[in-house]
Amino acid sequence: MRIAIGAHRVVLLYGTRAVKIAKIRPFRCALRLIVNCFSSRMRARFRKSYGKRFWVAVRRYVAHGVYSNRMEYEHWKAYQGDPRLIPTTSMFLKGMVVVQIRGERIFEEDLKKVEPFWRNFFDTQRSCQFGRLPDGRMVLLDYGDSRTCRFLRKTAPCA
């Protein structure tokens, strides 16, 4: 079993599954709000990323991992035929935990060898991670960002 720690989630890689557990970050949020009081640039970036209404933005920041998990699960349910996505098999505790098929991560230098769609996708969507399934198919491992889901919806293959 391997453990990967990201900004918003902890991923347990176990056998053929990846279990993504959301991080709840109340102390980091408090620190971020203090910094926002003194930096207009950071405050503007926070509002752009999490919302203009203060308490909505705070809730989104604290529970960003939960929102990402839910977005991945709901997007997978809506577009199960999309071959670009790693399958998300289940969600527990209202988005606190999602379970996906495990894929092997691909890094930026490997993307230069693949088809132009993926290279363009990587250039526009820096927040995602790419991987390969055991059958060799290239997929998105992390598509819980709202910009990524918006892009995927716009370019979804016909069902």
Foldseek 3Di string as FASTA:
>chain_A
DDWDDDPFWIWDDDDFKIKTAGAFDPPVLVVLVVVVVPDVVSVVVLCVQQHVDVVSSSVCVRGVQQLLQVQLQVLCVVQVVFLQAFHWDDAPDNRRMTMTGDFAWDDPVVQVVDDPVSVVLCVVDVPWTWGAHPVGRIHIHGQSGPVSSVVCVVVPDDD
